[in-house]
Amino acid sequence: MKKLAGELDWVIISADTAISRNPHEIEAWKQAGHPIFFFKHSLLHQTFWQQASRLCHVFPDVIKLAGRARVGDSFQIPVRGAIEGP
């Protein structure tokens, strides 16, 4: 994350929901300043292709939300419905 901190226009998309519970990792991505989108836990139980389809479906919203995000903002991508976040 520190290496990415100097680069602009990055958006982090992760299925590693444990990051959001680890204080050291939270601090690292907040300091990097990039918005981060987590797959919600229920999405992790879907097949790879279902996850990929969902990500493609919400990608325009990811771009829109990332453009408005503040440093350290995080979002959750659910199986259905709108992306959740600040």
N, C-alpha and C. Protein backbone atom coordinates (compact mmCIF):
# COMPACT_ATOMS: atom_id res chain seq x y z
N MET A 1 0.82 -1.18 0.00
CA MET A 1 0.00 0.00 0.00
C MET A 1 0.87 1.26 0.00
N LYS A 2 2.00 1.21 0.70
CA LYS A 2 2.86 2.39 0.74
C LYS A 2 3.39 2.73 -0.65
N LYS A 3 3.69 1.70 -1.44
CA LYS A 3 4.18 1.94 -2.79
C LYS A 3 3.11 2.59 -3.66
N LEU A 4 1.85 2.24 -3.43
CA LEU A 4 0.76 2.83 -4.20
C LEU A 4 0.42 4.25 -3.76
N ALA A 5 0.81 4.62 -2.56
CA ALA A 5 0.44 5.92 -2.02
C ALA A 5 0.89 7.07 -2.90
N GLY A 6 2.01 6.92 -3.58
CA GLY A 6 2.52 7.97 -4.45
C GLY A 6 1.87 8.01 -5.81
N GLU A 7 1.06 7.03 -6.13
CA GLU A 7 0.41 6.96 -7.43
C GLU A 7 -1.06 7.36 -7.30
N LEU A 8 -1.51 8.17 -8.22
CA LEU A 8 -2.88 8.65 -8.19
C LEU A 8 -3.80 7.74 -8.99
N ASP A 9 -5.09 7.94 -8.79
CA ASP A 9 -6.12 7.27 -9.59
C ASP A 9 -6.17 5.76 -9.43
N TRP A 10 -5.78 5.26 -8.30
CA TRP A 10 -5.92 3.82 -8.01
C TRP A 10 -7.18 3.60 -7.19
N VAL A 11 -7.83 2.50 -7.46
CA VAL A 11 -8.97 2.04 -6.68
C VAL A 11 -8.65 0.61 -6.28
N ILE A 12 -8.79 0.30 -5.00
CA ILE A 12 -8.50 -1.04 -4.51
C ILE A 12 -9.82 -1.82 -4.44
N ILE A 13 -9.84 -3.01 -5.03
CA ILE A 13 -10.99 -3.91 -4.94
C ILE A 13 -10.47 -5.19 -4.32
N SER A 14 -11.10 -5.59 -3.22
CA SER A 14 -10.57 -6.74 -2.48
C SER A 14 -11.68 -7.66 -1.99
N ALA A 15 -11.37 -8.93 -2.00
CA ALA A 15 -12.26 -9.93 -1.41
C ALA A 15 -11.78 -10.28 0.00
N ASP A 16 -10.69 -9.66 0.43
CA ASP A 16 -10.12 -9.94 1.75
C ASP A 16 -10.79 -9.07 2.80
N THR A 17 -11.94 -9.51 3.28
CA THR A 17 -12.68 -8.71 4.26
C THR A 17 -11.96 -8.64 5.61
N ALA A 18 -10.98 -9.48 5.83
CA ALA A 18 -10.21 -9.43 7.07
C ALA A 18 -9.43 -8.12 7.19
N ILE A 19 -9.12 -7.50 6.06
CA ILE A 19 -8.40 -6.22 6.08
C ILE A 19 -9.17 -5.21 6.93
N SER A 20 -10.50 -5.23 6.79
CA SER A 20 -11.31 -4.24 7.49
C SER A 20 -11.37 -4.46 9.00
N ARG A 21 -10.81 -5.58 9.46
CA ARG A 21 -10.80 -5.86 10.90
C ARG A 21 -9.39 -5.79 11.50
N ASN A 22 -8.40 -5.55 10.69
CA ASN A 22 -7.02 -5.50 11.16
C ASN A 22 -6.57 -4.04 11.25
N PRO A 23 -6.36 -3.52 12.45
CA PRO A 23 -6.02 -2.09 12.61
C PRO A 23 -4.79 -1.65 11.81
N HIS A 24 -3.78 -2.50 11.70
CA HIS A 24 -2.57 -2.13 10.96
C HIS A 24 -2.86 -2.02 9.47
N GLU A 25 -3.65 -2.94 8.94
CA GLU A 25 -3.98 -2.89 7.53
C GLU A 25 -4.93 -1.73 7.23
N ILE A 26 -5.84 -1.45 8.13
CA ILE A 26 -6.74 -0.29 7.96
C ILE A 26 -5.91 0.98 7.87
N GLU A 27 -4.97 1.14 8.77
CA GLU A 27 -4.12 2.33 8.78
C GLU A 27 -3.31 2.42 7.49
N ALA A 28 -2.81 1.29 6.99
CA ALA A 28 -2.02 1.29 5.75
C ALA A 28 -2.84 1.77 4.57
N TRP A 29 -4.08 1.27 4.39
CA TRP A 29 -4.84 1.72 3.23
C TRP A 29 -5.38 3.12 3.41
N LYS A 30 -5.62 3.54 4.63
CA LYS A 30 -6.05 4.93 4.84
C LYS A 30 -4.91 5.89 4.51
N GLN A 31 -3.70 5.54 4.92
CA GLN A 31 -2.55 6.39 4.62
C GLN A 31 -2.26 6.43 3.13
N ALA A 32 -2.50 5.33 2.44
CA ALA A 32 -2.28 5.30 0.99
C ALA A 32 -3.26 6.24 0.29
N GLY A 33 -4.45 6.41 0.86
CA GLY A 33 -5.38 7.40 0.35
C GLY A 33 -6.30 6.93 -0.76
N HIS A 34 -6.24 5.67 -1.11
CA HIS A 34 -7.08 5.16 -2.19
C HIS A 34 -8.41 4.62 -1.65
N PRO A 35 -9.50 4.84 -2.39
CA PRO A 35 -10.75 4.22 -1.97
C PRO A 35 -10.63 2.71 -2.10
N ILE A 36 -11.28 2.00 -1.20
CA ILE A 36 -11.21 0.54 -1.24
C ILE A 36 -12.63 -0.02 -1.25
N PHE A 37 -12.84 -0.98 -2.11
CA PHE A 37 -14.12 -1.65 -2.26
C PHE A 37 -13.94 -3.11 -1.87
N PHE A 38 -14.69 -3.54 -0.87
CA PHE A 38 -14.64 -4.93 -0.41
C PHE A 38 -15.85 -5.69 -0.92
N PHE A 39 -15.64 -6.93 -1.30
CA PHE A 39 -16.77 -7.81 -1.55
C PHE A 39 -17.40 -8.09 -0.19
N LYS A 40 -18.70 -7.92 -0.08
CA LYS A 40 -19.39 -8.25 1.15
C LYS A 40 -19.30 -9.75 1.36
N HIS A 41 -19.31 -10.18 2.61
CA HIS A 41 -19.10 -11.59 2.95
C HIS A 41 -20.00 -12.53 2.13
N SER A 42 -21.25 -12.16 1.94
CA SER A 42 -22.18 -13.03 1.19
C SER A 42 -21.75 -13.20 -0.25
N LEU A 43 -21.07 -12.23 -0.83
CA LEU A 43 -20.59 -12.33 -2.20
C LEU A 43 -19.44 -13.34 -2.32
N LEU A 44 -18.73 -13.54 -1.22
CA LEU A 44 -17.61 -14.48 -1.23
C LEU A 44 -18.07 -15.92 -1.38
N HIS A 45 -19.33 -16.19 -1.10
CA HIS A 45 -19.87 -17.54 -1.23
C HIS A 45 -20.36 -17.84 -2.63
N GLN A 46 -20.28 -16.87 -3.52
CA GLN A 46 -20.67 -17.06 -4.91
C GLN A 46 -19.50 -17.66 -5.69
N THR A 47 -19.78 -18.22 -6.86
CA THR A 47 -18.71 -18.74 -7.70
C THR A 47 -17.87 -17.59 -8.24
N PHE A 48 -16.71 -17.91 -8.75
CA PHE A 48 -15.85 -16.89 -9.36
C PHE A 48 -16.61 -16.11 -10.43
N TRP A 49 -17.33 -16.82 -11.29
CA TRP A 49 -18.03 -16.18 -12.41
C TRP A 49 -19.18 -15.30 -11.91
N GLN A 50 -19.83 -15.69 -10.85
CA GLN A 50 -20.88 -14.85 -10.27
C GLN A 50 -20.26 -13.58 -9.67
N GLN A 51 -19.11 -13.72 -9.04
CA GLN A 51 -18.42 -12.56 -8.48
C GLN A 51 -17.97 -11.62 -9.61
N ALA A 52 -17.41 -12.20 -10.66
CA ALA A 52 -16.96 -11.39 -11.80
C ALA A 52 -18.12 -10.67 -12.46
N SER A 53 -19.24 -11.36 -12.61
CA SER A 53 -20.43 -10.75 -13.20
C SER A 53 -20.92 -9.59 -12.35
N ARG A 54 -20.94 -9.79 -11.04
CA ARG A 54 -21.39 -8.75 -10.12
C ARG A 54 -20.47 -7.54 -10.19
N LEU A 55 -19.17 -7.78 -10.23
CA LEU A 55 -18.22 -6.68 -10.31
C LEU A 55 -18.40 -5.90 -11.61
N CYS A 56 -18.60 -6.60 -12.71
CA CYS A 56 -18.85 -5.91 -13.99
C CYS A 56 -20.12 -5.09 -13.92
N HIS A 57 -21.13 -5.62 -13.28
CA HIS A 57 -22.42 -4.93 -13.17
C HIS A 57 -22.30 -3.63 -12.37
N VAL A 58 -21.55 -3.64 -11.29
CA VAL A 58 -21.45 -2.45 -10.43
C VAL A 58 -20.26 -1.56 -10.78
N PHE A 59 -19.45 -1.95 -11.75
CA PHE A 59 -18.23 -1.19 -12.03
C PHE A 59 -18.48 0.29 -12.34
N PRO A 60 -19.52 0.64 -13.09
CA PRO A 60 -19.77 2.08 -13.28
C PRO A 60 -19.99 2.82 -11.95
N ASP A 61 -20.64 2.16 -11.01
CA ASP A 61 -20.84 2.77 -9.69
C ASP A 61 -19.53 2.85 -8.91
N VAL A 62 -18.68 1.86 -9.06
CA VAL A 62 -17.35 1.89 -8.42
C VAL A 62 -16.59 3.12 -8.90
N ILE A 63 -16.58 3.34 -10.20
CA ILE A 63 -15.86 4.49 -10.75
C ILE A 63 -16.46 5.80 -10.24
N LYS A 64 -17.79 5.89 -10.24
CA LYS A 64 -18.47 7.11 -9.78
C LYS A 64 -18.17 7.38 -8.30
N LEU A 65 -18.31 6.36 -7.46
CA LEU A 65 -18.07 6.53 -6.02
C LEU A 65 -16.59 6.81 -5.74
N ALA A 66 -15.71 6.16 -6.46
CA ALA A 66 -14.28 6.39 -6.25
C ALA A 66 -13.91 7.83 -6.58
N GLY A 67 -14.56 8.39 -7.59
CA GLY A 67 -14.29 9.78 -7.97
C GLY A 67 -14.71 10.78 -6.90
N ARG A 68 -15.68 10.40 -6.07
CA ARG A 68 -16.17 11.28 -5.01
C ARG A 68 -15.61 10.92 -3.63
N ALA A 69 -14.89 9.83 -3.56
CA ALA A 69 -14.43 9.32 -2.25
C ALA A 69 -13.41 10.26 -1.62
N ARG A 70 -13.43 10.26 -0.31
CA ARG A 70 -12.43 10.99 0.47
C ARG A 70 -11.34 10.00 0.88
N VAL A 71 -10.23 10.51 1.31
CA VAL A 71 -9.11 9.67 1.76
C VAL A 71 -9.60 8.71 2.83
N GLY A 72 -9.32 7.42 2.64
CA GLY A 72 -9.67 6.42 3.64
C GLY A 72 -11.08 5.86 3.54
N ASP A 73 -11.88 6.32 2.55
CA ASP A 73 -13.23 5.79 2.41
C ASP A 73 -13.20 4.33 1.97
N SER A 74 -14.14 3.57 2.50
CA SER A 74 -14.28 2.17 2.08
C SER A 74 -15.74 1.89 1.79
N PHE A 75 -15.95 0.91 0.92
CA PHE A 75 -17.28 0.55 0.45
C PHE A 75 -17.41 -0.96 0.46
N GLN A 76 -18.66 -1.44 0.43
CA GLN A 76 -18.91 -2.88 0.35
C GLN A 76 -19.77 -3.16 -0.87
N ILE A 77 -19.37 -4.19 -1.61
CA ILE A 77 -20.12 -4.62 -2.79
C ILE A 77 -20.95 -5.83 -2.38
N PRO A 78 -22.28 -5.67 -2.33
CA PRO A 78 -23.14 -6.78 -1.93
C PRO A 78 -23.50 -7.68 -3.12
N VAL A 79 -24.14 -8.81 -2.83
CA VAL A 79 -24.60 -9.71 -3.89
C VAL A 79 -25.65 -9.01 -4.74
N ARG A 80 -26.53 -8.26 -4.10
CA ARG A 80 -27.59 -7.52 -4.80
C ARG A 80 -27.68 -6.12 -4.22
N GLY A 81 -28.24 -5.23 -5.00
CA GLY A 81 -28.48 -3.87 -4.50
C GLY A 81 -27.29 -2.96 -4.71
N ALA A 82 -27.42 -1.78 -4.13
CA ALA A 82 -26.42 -0.75 -4.29
C ALA A 82 -25.18 -0.98 -3.43
N ILE A 83 -24.07 -0.44 -3.88
CA ILE A 83 -22.84 -0.48 -3.09
C ILE A 83 -23.06 0.32 -1.82
N GLU A 84 -22.56 -0.21 -0.72
CA GLU A 84 -22.74 0.42 0.59
C GLU A 84 -21.45 1.14 0.98
N GLY A 85 -21.60 2.30 1.55
CA GLY A 85 -20.42 3.04 1.99
C GLY A 85 -20.78 4.43 2.46
N PRO A 86 -19.77 5.23 2.66
CA PRO A 86 -20.00 6.57 3.22
C PRO A 86 -20.88 7.45 2.34
